[in-house]
N, C-alpha and C. Protein backbone atom coordinates (compact mmCIF):
# COMPACT_ATOMS: atom_id res chain seq x y z
N UNK A 1 155.90 -238.38 -28.73
CA UNK A 1 154.55 -238.17 -29.18
C UNK A 1 154.15 -237.77 -30.60
N UNK A 2 155.20 -237.03 -31.10
CA UNK A 2 154.88 -236.62 -32.30
C UNK A 2 155.31 -237.74 -33.39
N UNK A 3 156.29 -238.46 -33.12
CA UNK A 3 156.45 -239.95 -34.07
C UNK A 3 155.20 -240.78 -34.07
N UNK A 4 154.70 -240.89 -32.83
CA UNK A 4 153.49 -242.18 -32.42
C UNK A 4 152.40 -241.59 -33.45
N UNK A 5 152.33 -240.25 -33.71
CA UNK A 5 150.96 -239.50 -34.11
C UNK A 5 151.29 -239.12 -36.08
N UNK A 6 152.28 -239.75 -36.24
CA UNK A 6 152.35 -239.51 -37.87
C UNK A 6 151.75 -240.29 -38.79
N UNK A 7 151.09 -241.37 -38.51
CA UNK A 7 150.51 -242.44 -39.17
C UNK A 7 148.87 -241.76 -39.23
N UNK A 8 148.67 -241.10 -37.90
CA UNK A 8 147.23 -240.29 -38.22
C UNK A 8 147.28 -239.04 -38.89
N UNK A 9 148.40 -238.60 -38.67
CA UNK A 9 148.56 -237.39 -39.46
C UNK A 9 148.32 -237.65 -41.04
N UNK A 10 149.14 -238.80 -41.60
CA UNK A 10 149.16 -239.15 -43.02
C UNK A 10 147.91 -239.40 -43.36
N UNK A 11 147.05 -240.30 -42.63
CA UNK A 11 145.45 -240.44 -42.83
C UNK A 11 144.91 -239.06 -43.00
N UNK A 12 145.15 -238.37 -42.10
CA UNK A 12 143.82 -237.04 -42.00
C UNK A 12 144.63 -236.10 -43.01
N UNK A 13 145.43 -235.87 -43.50
CA UNK A 13 145.98 -234.65 -44.61
C UNK A 13 146.45 -235.46 -45.81
N UNK A 14 145.99 -235.02 -46.62
CA UNK A 14 146.13 -235.45 -48.39
C UNK A 14 147.15 -234.44 -48.81
N UNK A 15 147.75 -233.53 -48.54
CA UNK A 15 148.37 -232.57 -48.66
C UNK A 15 149.86 -233.21 -48.03
N UNK A 16 149.93 -233.77 -46.66
CA UNK A 16 151.15 -234.16 -46.21
C UNK A 16 151.17 -235.82 -46.99
N UNK A 17 150.00 -236.33 -47.36
CA UNK A 17 150.45 -237.60 -47.59
C UNK A 17 150.98 -238.06 -49.06
N UNK A 18 150.48 -236.99 -49.81
CA UNK A 18 151.17 -236.73 -51.38
C UNK A 18 152.72 -236.42 -50.98
N UNK A 19 152.83 -235.60 -50.07
CA UNK A 19 154.55 -234.97 -50.01
C UNK A 19 155.08 -236.11 -49.33
N UNK A 20 154.60 -236.96 -48.69
CA UNK A 20 155.29 -238.28 -48.09
C UNK A 20 155.37 -239.35 -49.16
N UNK A 21 154.76 -239.43 -49.82
CA UNK A 21 154.56 -240.39 -51.16
C UNK A 21 155.57 -240.30 -52.28
N UNK A 22 155.88 -238.92 -52.22
CA UNK A 22 156.60 -238.73 -53.46
C UNK A 22 158.64 -238.83 -53.09
N UNK A 23 158.91 -238.31 -51.81
CA UNK A 23 160.14 -238.61 -51.32
C UNK A 23 160.47 -239.95 -51.36
N UNK A 24 159.25 -240.75 -50.88
CA UNK A 24 159.38 -242.46 -50.30
C UNK A 24 159.88 -243.13 -51.61
N UNK A 25 160.01 -242.83 -53.13
CA UNK A 25 160.20 -243.61 -53.90
C UNK A 25 161.55 -243.87 -54.19
N UNK A 26 162.12 -242.54 -53.43
CA UNK A 26 163.99 -242.64 -53.95
C UNK A 26 164.66 -242.29 -52.66
N UNK A 27 163.73 -242.25 -51.38
CA UNK A 27 164.61 -241.81 -50.26
C UNK A 27 164.39 -242.77 -49.20
N UNK A 28 165.05 -242.93 -48.24
CA UNK A 28 164.84 -244.00 -47.25
C UNK A 28 163.72 -243.70 -46.20
N UNK A 29 163.16 -244.34 -45.53
CA UNK A 29 161.86 -244.06 -44.61
C UNK A 29 162.35 -243.38 -43.56
N UNK A 30 163.41 -243.73 -43.15
CA UNK A 30 163.52 -242.64 -42.04
C UNK A 30 163.88 -241.45 -42.10
N UNK A 31 164.63 -241.14 -43.25
CA UNK A 31 164.77 -239.76 -43.59
C UNK A 31 163.69 -239.04 -43.98
N UNK A 32 162.72 -239.62 -44.70
CA UNK A 32 161.15 -239.10 -45.12
C UNK A 32 160.47 -238.84 -43.76
N UNK A 33 160.72 -239.84 -42.81
CA UNK A 33 159.86 -239.49 -41.41
C UNK A 33 160.25 -238.02 -40.79
N UNK A 34 161.60 -238.15 -40.91
CA UNK A 34 162.38 -236.97 -40.25
C UNK A 34 161.78 -235.59 -40.75
N UNK A 35 161.82 -235.85 -41.81
CA UNK A 35 161.18 -234.41 -42.90
C UNK A 35 159.76 -234.37 -42.44
N UNK A 36 158.90 -235.17 -42.45
CA UNK A 36 157.17 -235.20 -42.02
C UNK A 36 157.44 -234.43 -40.64
N UNK A 37 158.29 -235.44 -39.70
CA UNK A 37 158.20 -234.77 -38.37
C UNK A 37 158.74 -233.19 -38.22
N UNK A 38 159.69 -232.74 -39.03
CA UNK A 38 159.84 -231.58 -39.13
C UNK A 38 158.44 -230.39 -39.50
N UNK A 39 158.04 -230.98 -40.81
CA UNK A 39 157.01 -230.16 -41.06
C UNK A 39 155.59 -230.28 -40.48
N UNK A 40 155.59 -231.27 -39.54
CA UNK A 40 154.56 -230.88 -38.98
C UNK A 40 154.68 -230.05 -37.26
N UNK A 41 155.89 -229.91 -37.24
CA UNK A 41 156.11 -229.48 -35.95
C UNK A 41 156.42 -228.07 -36.40
N UNK A 42 156.97 -227.74 -37.36
CA UNK A 42 156.63 -226.39 -37.82
C UNK A 42 155.35 -225.97 -38.08
N UNK A 43 154.23 -226.59 -38.70
CA UNK A 43 152.72 -225.98 -38.59
C UNK A 43 152.58 -225.67 -37.36
N UNK A 44 152.85 -226.85 -36.14
CA UNK A 44 152.42 -226.43 -35.09
C UNK A 44 153.14 -224.91 -34.37
N UNK A 45 153.94 -224.91 -34.54
CA UNK A 45 154.81 -224.08 -34.13
C UNK A 45 153.95 -222.54 -34.43
N UNK A 46 153.84 -222.57 -35.97
CA UNK A 46 153.38 -221.40 -36.25
C UNK A 46 152.22 -221.43 -36.33
N UNK A 47 150.99 -221.99 -35.91
CA UNK A 47 149.75 -222.15 -35.07
C UNK A 47 149.78 -221.38 -33.97
N UNK A 48 150.82 -221.82 -33.04
CA UNK A 48 150.74 -221.37 -31.89
C UNK A 48 151.46 -220.00 -31.81
N UNK A 49 152.26 -219.57 -32.60
CA UNK A 49 152.98 -218.40 -32.40
C UNK A 49 152.52 -217.25 -32.87
N UNK A 50 150.83 -217.73 -34.12
CA UNK A 50 150.07 -216.89 -34.53
C UNK A 50 148.84 -216.94 -33.78
N UNK A 51 148.87 -217.71 -32.90
CA UNK A 51 147.46 -217.73 -32.24
C UNK A 51 146.59 -218.34 -33.11
N UNK A 52 146.41 -219.07 -34.10
CA UNK A 52 145.29 -219.39 -35.16
C UNK A 52 144.90 -220.91 -34.57
N UNK A 53 143.81 -221.12 -35.24
CA UNK A 53 143.49 -222.52 -35.20
C UNK A 53 143.71 -223.34 -36.52
N UNK A 54 143.63 -224.37 -36.51
CA UNK A 54 144.00 -225.40 -37.57
C UNK A 54 142.75 -225.19 -38.71
N UNK A 55 142.96 -224.75 -39.89
CA UNK A 55 142.14 -224.78 -40.96
C UNK A 55 141.54 -225.89 -41.28
N UNK A 56 141.72 -226.91 -41.05
CA UNK A 56 140.78 -228.34 -41.03
C UNK A 56 139.74 -228.39 -39.89
N UNK A 57 139.60 -228.07 -38.88
CA UNK A 57 138.68 -228.34 -37.91
C UNK A 57 137.40 -228.30 -38.12
N UNK A 58 136.55 -228.88 -37.54
CA UNK A 58 135.15 -228.65 -37.75
C UNK A 58 134.89 -227.89 -36.74
N UNK A 59 134.02 -226.69 -37.24
CA UNK A 59 133.92 -225.28 -36.18
C UNK A 59 132.80 -225.62 -35.51
N UNK A 60 131.67 -226.57 -35.96
CA UNK A 60 130.62 -226.79 -34.62
C UNK A 60 130.97 -227.65 -33.58
N UNK A 61 132.01 -228.27 -33.84
CA UNK A 61 132.62 -229.61 -32.80
C UNK A 61 133.65 -228.94 -32.15
N UNK A 62 134.33 -227.78 -32.39
CA UNK A 62 135.18 -226.75 -31.53
C UNK A 62 134.45 -226.03 -31.02
N UNK A 63 133.12 -225.42 -31.40
CA UNK A 63 132.46 -224.70 -30.65
C UNK A 63 132.13 -225.32 -29.15
N UNK A 64 131.51 -226.97 -29.86
CA UNK A 64 130.69 -227.53 -28.65
C UNK A 64 131.82 -227.53 -27.24
N UNK A 65 133.40 -228.03 -27.54
CA UNK A 65 134.35 -228.47 -26.98
C UNK A 65 134.60 -227.03 -26.05
N UNK A 66 134.66 -225.88 -26.96
CA UNK A 66 135.21 -224.83 -26.03
C UNK A 66 134.16 -224.45 -25.44
N UNK A 67 132.82 -224.65 -25.42
CA UNK A 67 131.58 -224.43 -24.25
C UNK A 67 131.63 -225.18 -23.30
N UNK A 68 132.39 -226.61 -23.34
CA UNK A 68 132.42 -227.53 -22.39
C UNK A 68 133.33 -227.26 -21.44
N UNK A 69 134.92 -226.57 -22.17
CA UNK A 69 135.93 -226.12 -21.36
C UNK A 69 135.31 -224.87 -20.66
N UNK A 70 134.46 -223.94 -21.18
CA UNK A 70 134.51 -222.53 -20.45
C UNK A 70 133.43 -222.91 -19.15
N UNK A 71 132.65 -224.18 -19.36
CA UNK A 71 131.69 -224.54 -18.19
C UNK A 71 132.89 -225.28 -17.30
N UNK A 72 134.00 -225.87 -17.58
CA UNK A 72 134.55 -226.39 -16.86
C UNK A 72 135.58 -225.47 -15.90
N UNK A 73 136.10 -224.76 -16.50
CA UNK A 73 136.53 -223.55 -15.97
C UNK A 73 135.86 -222.45 -15.12
N UNK A 74 134.43 -222.41 -15.38
CA UNK A 74 133.40 -221.73 -14.40
C UNK A 74 133.18 -222.44 -13.10
N UNK A 75 133.05 -223.79 -13.29
CA UNK A 75 132.67 -224.68 -12.05
C UNK A 75 134.24 -224.78 -11.42
N UNK A 76 135.27 -224.42 -11.66
CA UNK A 76 136.69 -224.25 -11.27
C UNK A 76 136.81 -223.28 -10.41
N UNK A 77 136.38 -222.23 -11.19
CA UNK A 77 136.14 -220.83 -10.28
C UNK A 77 135.39 -220.77 -9.22
N UNK A 78 134.29 -221.26 -9.35
CA UNK A 78 133.22 -221.39 -8.06
C UNK A 78 133.78 -221.75 -7.25
N UNK A 79 134.28 -223.48 -7.21
CA UNK A 79 134.61 -224.25 -6.07
C UNK A 79 136.05 -223.68 -5.49
N UNK A 80 137.06 -222.62 -6.41
CA UNK A 80 137.87 -221.97 -5.38
C UNK A 80 137.47 -220.75 -4.65
N UNK A 81 136.54 -220.42 -4.91
CA UNK A 81 135.86 -219.36 -4.13
C UNK A 81 135.24 -219.70 -2.92
N UNK A 82 134.78 -220.94 -3.09
CA UNK A 82 134.01 -221.65 -1.69
C UNK A 82 135.18 -221.86 -0.94
N UNK A 83 136.04 -222.65 -1.23
CA UNK A 83 137.19 -223.09 -0.42
C UNK A 83 137.92 -222.07 0.25
């Protein structure tokens, strides 16, 4: 899953794109992809460990999704109480 998303990560993050382009000039692409996977995995791990959100998120979109998720959980709880 992480390997497939690398192209999307590179398109979305200018910081990672700059990091990726620099070593690609003098190293093998497979080696650079491995480094990029490690960087992305480390960032995800740190976010989960510290219970933080990604700094680049759209706050309005995030709130909308969280409200929908809250409604989903409430409906699920109501269904389990009925059954």
